[in-house]
Amino acid sequence: MTPNDLDDALDAMQLAAAGNPDLMPGLITVESNHWIHVLGAIGATCARLDDGLRHRDVQVHVGAAQETKVLTRTEAGDRGAPYRKLAPRDQK
């Protein structure tokens, strides 16, 4: 998954959710080697420690046991909280 693929997946999930908050993007999980070699370029930020690492206001979890994918809020459960509105691509 490239940074553009990730943004496309976030946008597609947001559109498919049709306003249902449970189906909106809730968490981005990334396998650690994929983060280092590819997705680290997304420019994720961490404004506060309790906020976690975020891309377009969706929390990002990076780890060796993670699979690189985007989860809905329902799939993510509490792991992606606090949830926010998906930020536009140009406001990463």
N, C-alpha and C. Protein backbone atom coordinates (compact mmCIF):
# COMPACT_ATOMS: atom_id res chain seq x y z
N MET A 1 0.85 -1.18 0.00
CA MET A 1 0.00 0.00 0.00
C MET A 1 0.89 1.24 0.00
N THR A 2 0.65 2.10 -0.96
CA THR A 2 1.40 3.36 -1.04
C THR A 2 0.64 4.45 -0.28
N PRO A 3 1.27 5.59 -0.03
CA PRO A 3 0.54 6.69 0.62
C PRO A 3 -0.73 7.07 -0.16
N ASN A 4 -0.67 7.09 -1.49
CA ASN A 4 -1.88 7.39 -2.28
C ASN A 4 -2.94 6.32 -2.13
N ASP A 5 -2.52 5.05 -2.08
CA ASP A 5 -3.46 3.95 -1.85
C ASP A 5 -4.16 4.11 -0.51
N LEU A 6 -3.40 4.51 0.50
CA LEU A 6 -3.97 4.71 1.83
C LEU A 6 -5.01 5.82 1.79
N ASP A 7 -4.68 6.94 1.18
CA ASP A 7 -5.64 8.04 1.08
C ASP A 7 -6.88 7.62 0.28
N ASP A 8 -6.69 6.86 -0.79
CA ASP A 8 -7.82 6.36 -1.57
C ASP A 8 -8.71 5.45 -0.72
N ALA A 9 -8.09 4.58 0.08
CA ALA A 9 -8.85 3.67 0.95
C ALA A 9 -9.65 4.45 2.00
N LEU A 10 -9.03 5.47 2.59
CA LEU A 10 -9.74 6.30 3.57
C LEU A 10 -10.93 7.01 2.93
N ASP A 11 -10.72 7.59 1.75
CA ASP A 11 -11.79 8.30 1.06
C ASP A 11 -12.92 7.36 0.65
N ALA A 12 -12.57 6.17 0.15
CA ALA A 12 -13.58 5.19 -0.26
C ALA A 12 -14.40 4.70 0.93
N MET A 13 -13.73 4.46 2.06
CA MET A 13 -14.44 4.01 3.26
C MET A 13 -15.38 5.10 3.76
N GLN A 14 -14.92 6.34 3.75
CA GLN A 14 -15.74 7.47 4.19
C GLN A 14 -16.99 7.59 3.30
N LEU A 15 -16.80 7.47 1.99
CA LEU A 15 -17.91 7.58 1.04
C LEU A 15 -18.89 6.42 1.22
N ALA A 16 -18.37 5.20 1.36
CA ALA A 16 -19.22 4.02 1.53
C ALA A 16 -20.01 4.06 2.84
N ALA A 17 -19.48 4.74 3.85
CA ALA A 17 -20.16 4.82 5.15
C ALA A 17 -21.47 5.59 5.05
N ALA A 18 -21.59 6.48 4.08
CA ALA A 18 -22.82 7.25 3.84
C ALA A 18 -23.37 7.88 5.13
N GLY A 19 -22.45 8.43 5.93
CA GLY A 19 -22.87 9.12 7.15
C GLY A 19 -23.00 8.24 8.38
N ASN A 20 -22.87 6.93 8.24
CA ASN A 20 -22.95 6.02 9.38
C ASN A 20 -21.62 6.04 10.11
N PRO A 21 -21.57 6.61 11.33
CA PRO A 21 -20.29 6.73 12.03
C PRO A 21 -19.59 5.40 12.31
N ASP A 22 -20.34 4.32 12.47
CA ASP A 22 -19.74 3.02 12.74
C ASP A 22 -18.93 2.49 11.56
N LEU A 23 -19.25 2.96 10.35
CA LEU A 23 -18.58 2.46 9.15
C LEU A 23 -17.50 3.41 8.63
N MET A 24 -17.30 4.53 9.32
CA MET A 24 -16.27 5.49 8.92
C MET A 24 -14.89 4.99 9.33
N PRO A 25 -13.82 5.53 8.70
CA PRO A 25 -12.47 5.09 9.06
C PRO A 25 -12.21 5.27 10.55
N GLY A 26 -11.70 4.19 11.18
CA GLY A 26 -11.49 4.23 12.61
C GLY A 26 -10.06 4.00 13.05
N LEU A 27 -9.28 3.28 12.26
CA LEU A 27 -7.92 2.96 12.65
C LEU A 27 -7.14 2.51 11.43
N ILE A 28 -5.90 2.99 11.34
CA ILE A 28 -4.98 2.53 10.30
C ILE A 28 -3.95 1.66 11.01
N THR A 29 -3.81 0.41 10.59
CA THR A 29 -2.78 -0.46 11.15
C THR A 29 -1.71 -0.67 10.08
N VAL A 30 -0.45 -0.64 10.51
CA VAL A 30 0.67 -0.75 9.57
C VAL A 30 1.73 -1.68 10.13
N GLU A 31 2.13 -2.65 9.33
CA GLU A 31 3.24 -3.53 9.70
C GLU A 31 4.51 -2.70 9.75
N SER A 32 5.33 -2.89 10.77
CA SER A 32 6.46 -1.99 11.03
C SER A 32 7.43 -1.84 9.86
N ASN A 33 7.78 -2.92 9.15
CA ASN A 33 8.69 -2.78 8.01
C ASN A 33 8.05 -1.98 6.89
N HIS A 34 6.76 -2.13 6.70
CA HIS A 34 6.04 -1.36 5.68
C HIS A 34 6.05 0.12 6.07
N TRP A 35 5.95 0.40 7.35
CA TRP A 35 6.00 1.79 7.82
C TRP A 35 7.36 2.40 7.50
N ILE A 36 8.40 1.68 7.83
CA ILE A 36 9.76 2.19 7.64
C ILE A 36 10.06 2.44 6.16
N HIS A 37 9.66 1.52 5.30
CA HIS A 37 10.04 1.60 3.89
C HIS A 37 9.05 2.33 2.99
N VAL A 38 7.78 2.47 3.40
CA VAL A 38 6.79 3.06 2.50
C VAL A 38 5.91 4.11 3.18
N LEU A 39 5.15 3.69 4.17
CA LEU A 39 4.12 4.58 4.71
C LEU A 39 4.62 5.63 5.69
N GLY A 40 5.84 5.54 6.12
CA GLY A 40 6.39 6.60 6.96
C GLY A 40 6.36 7.95 6.28
N ALA A 41 6.25 7.95 4.97
CA ALA A 41 6.22 9.18 4.18
C ALA A 41 4.89 9.92 4.26
N ILE A 42 3.87 9.35 4.92
CA ILE A 42 2.57 10.02 4.97
C ILE A 42 2.58 11.25 5.86
N GLY A 43 3.61 11.39 6.69
CA GLY A 43 3.69 12.58 7.53
C GLY A 43 2.71 12.57 8.68
N ALA A 44 2.48 11.40 9.27
CA ALA A 44 1.59 11.31 10.43
C ALA A 44 2.12 12.19 11.55
N THR A 45 1.20 12.73 12.34
CA THR A 45 1.59 13.63 13.43
C THR A 45 1.01 13.15 14.75
N CYS A 46 1.59 13.66 15.82
CA CYS A 46 1.10 13.38 17.16
C CYS A 46 1.08 14.71 17.91
N ALA A 47 -0.10 15.30 18.05
CA ALA A 47 -0.23 16.59 18.72
C ALA A 47 -0.15 16.45 20.23
N ARG A 48 -0.71 15.35 20.74
CA ARG A 48 -0.70 15.07 22.19
C ARG A 48 -0.51 13.58 22.40
N LEU A 49 0.12 13.20 23.49
CA LEU A 49 0.37 11.79 23.75
C LEU A 49 -0.92 10.97 23.82
N ASP A 50 -1.97 11.53 24.41
CA ASP A 50 -3.22 10.77 24.54
C ASP A 50 -3.99 10.70 23.22
N ASP A 51 -3.54 11.43 22.22
CA ASP A 51 -4.14 11.43 20.90
C ASP A 51 -3.57 10.35 20.00
N GLY A 52 -2.33 10.00 20.21
CA GLY A 52 -1.66 9.01 19.38
C GLY A 52 -1.22 9.56 18.04
N LEU A 53 -0.54 8.73 17.30
CA LEU A 53 -0.07 9.06 15.96
C LEU A 53 -1.27 9.07 15.04
N ARG A 54 -1.40 10.12 14.21
CA ARG A 54 -2.59 10.25 13.34
C ARG A 54 -2.21 10.67 11.94
N HIS A 55 -3.01 10.19 10.99
CA HIS A 55 -2.95 10.61 9.59
C HIS A 55 -4.36 10.99 9.19
N ARG A 56 -4.55 12.24 8.76
CA ARG A 56 -5.86 12.77 8.40
C ARG A 56 -6.86 12.59 9.54
N ASP A 57 -6.37 12.72 10.76
CA ASP A 57 -7.15 12.61 12.00
C ASP A 57 -7.64 11.20 12.30
N VAL A 58 -7.06 10.19 11.66
CA VAL A 58 -7.34 8.79 11.98
C VAL A 58 -6.10 8.23 12.66
N GLN A 59 -6.30 7.56 13.80
CA GLN A 59 -5.18 7.02 14.56
C GLN A 59 -4.44 5.94 13.76
N VAL A 60 -3.11 5.91 13.91
CA VAL A 60 -2.25 4.94 13.23
C VAL A 60 -1.54 4.10 14.28
N HIS A 61 -1.65 2.77 14.15
CA HIS A 61 -0.92 1.85 15.01
C HIS A 61 0.10 1.12 14.15
N VAL A 62 1.35 1.14 14.56
CA VAL A 62 2.45 0.50 13.84
C VAL A 62 3.02 -0.60 14.71
N GLY A 63 3.21 -1.79 14.14
CA GLY A 63 3.80 -2.87 14.92
C GLY A 63 4.14 -4.07 14.04
N ALA A 64 5.04 -4.90 14.53
CA ALA A 64 5.49 -6.07 13.77
C ALA A 64 4.36 -7.06 13.52
N ALA A 65 3.41 -7.14 14.43
CA ALA A 65 2.30 -8.09 14.28
C ALA A 65 1.09 -7.49 13.57
N GLN A 66 1.18 -6.23 13.19
CA GLN A 66 0.06 -5.56 12.51
C GLN A 66 0.03 -5.93 11.04
N GLU A 67 -1.16 -5.90 10.47
CA GLU A 67 -1.34 -6.02 9.02
C GLU A 67 -1.65 -4.62 8.51
N THR A 68 -1.10 -4.24 7.38
CA THR A 68 -1.33 -2.91 6.83
C THR A 68 -2.73 -2.84 6.22
N LYS A 69 -3.62 -2.07 6.88
CA LYS A 69 -5.00 -1.94 6.41
C LYS A 69 -5.71 -0.81 7.17
N VAL A 70 -6.91 -0.49 6.69
CA VAL A 70 -7.75 0.50 7.34
C VAL A 70 -8.97 -0.22 7.90
N LEU A 71 -9.26 0.04 9.18
CA LEU A 71 -10.40 -0.57 9.85
C LEU A 71 -11.51 0.46 10.03
N THR A 72 -12.76 -0.01 10.01
CA THR A 72 -13.87 0.87 10.35
C THR A 72 -13.85 1.12 11.86
N ARG A 73 -14.64 2.06 12.31
CA ARG A 73 -14.72 2.34 13.75
C ARG A 73 -15.24 1.12 14.50
N THR A 74 -16.18 0.40 13.91
CA THR A 74 -16.70 -0.80 14.55
C THR A 74 -15.61 -1.85 14.69
N GLU A 75 -14.85 -2.07 13.61
CA GLU A 75 -13.76 -3.06 13.64
C GLU A 75 -12.67 -2.65 14.63
N ALA A 76 -12.40 -1.36 14.73
CA ALA A 76 -11.33 -0.86 15.60
C ALA A 76 -11.72 -0.87 17.07
N GLY A 77 -13.00 -0.73 17.34
CA GLY A 77 -13.43 -0.63 18.75
C GLY A 77 -12.79 0.57 19.40
N ASP A 78 -12.32 0.41 20.62
CA ASP A 78 -11.71 1.51 21.36
C ASP A 78 -10.29 1.83 20.89
N ARG A 79 -9.70 0.98 20.09
CA ARG A 79 -8.30 1.19 19.69
C ARG A 79 -8.07 2.46 18.88
N GLY A 80 -9.08 2.95 18.18
CA GLY A 80 -8.92 4.15 17.36
C GLY A 80 -9.43 5.42 18.01
N ALA A 81 -10.04 5.27 19.18
CA ALA A 81 -10.64 6.43 19.87
C ALA A 81 -9.55 7.36 20.42
N PRO A 82 -9.83 8.63 20.55
CA PRO A 82 -11.08 9.30 20.20
C PRO A 82 -11.18 9.50 18.69
N TYR A 83 -12.39 9.28 18.18
CA TYR A 83 -12.62 9.41 16.75
C TYR A 83 -12.87 10.85 16.36
N ARG A 84 -12.43 11.17 15.16
CA ARG A 84 -12.61 12.52 14.62
C ARG A 84 -13.09 12.43 13.18
N LYS A 85 -13.56 13.55 12.67
CA LYS A 85 -13.95 13.64 11.26
C LYS A 85 -12.69 13.48 10.40
N LEU A 86 -12.81 12.72 9.32
CA LEU A 86 -11.68 12.52 8.40
C LEU A 86 -11.26 13.85 7.80
N ALA A 87 -9.99 14.20 7.98
CA ALA A 87 -9.46 15.46 7.43
C ALA A 87 -9.25 15.31 5.93
N PRO A 88 -9.43 16.39 5.18
CA PRO A 88 -9.17 16.34 3.73
C PRO A 88 -7.71 16.00 3.46
N ARG A 89 -7.43 15.50 2.28
CA ARG A 89 -6.06 15.12 1.89
C ARG A 89 -5.07 16.27 2.05
N ASP A 90 -5.49 17.47 1.75
CA ASP A 90 -4.57 18.60 1.80
C ASP A 90 -4.34 19.15 3.20
N GLN A 91 -5.01 18.59 4.22
CA GLN A 91 -4.83 19.05 5.60
C GLN A 91 -4.30 17.93 6.48
N LYS A 92 -3.32 17.21 6.01
CA LYS A 92 -2.73 16.09 6.75
C LYS A 92 -2.09 16.60 7.99
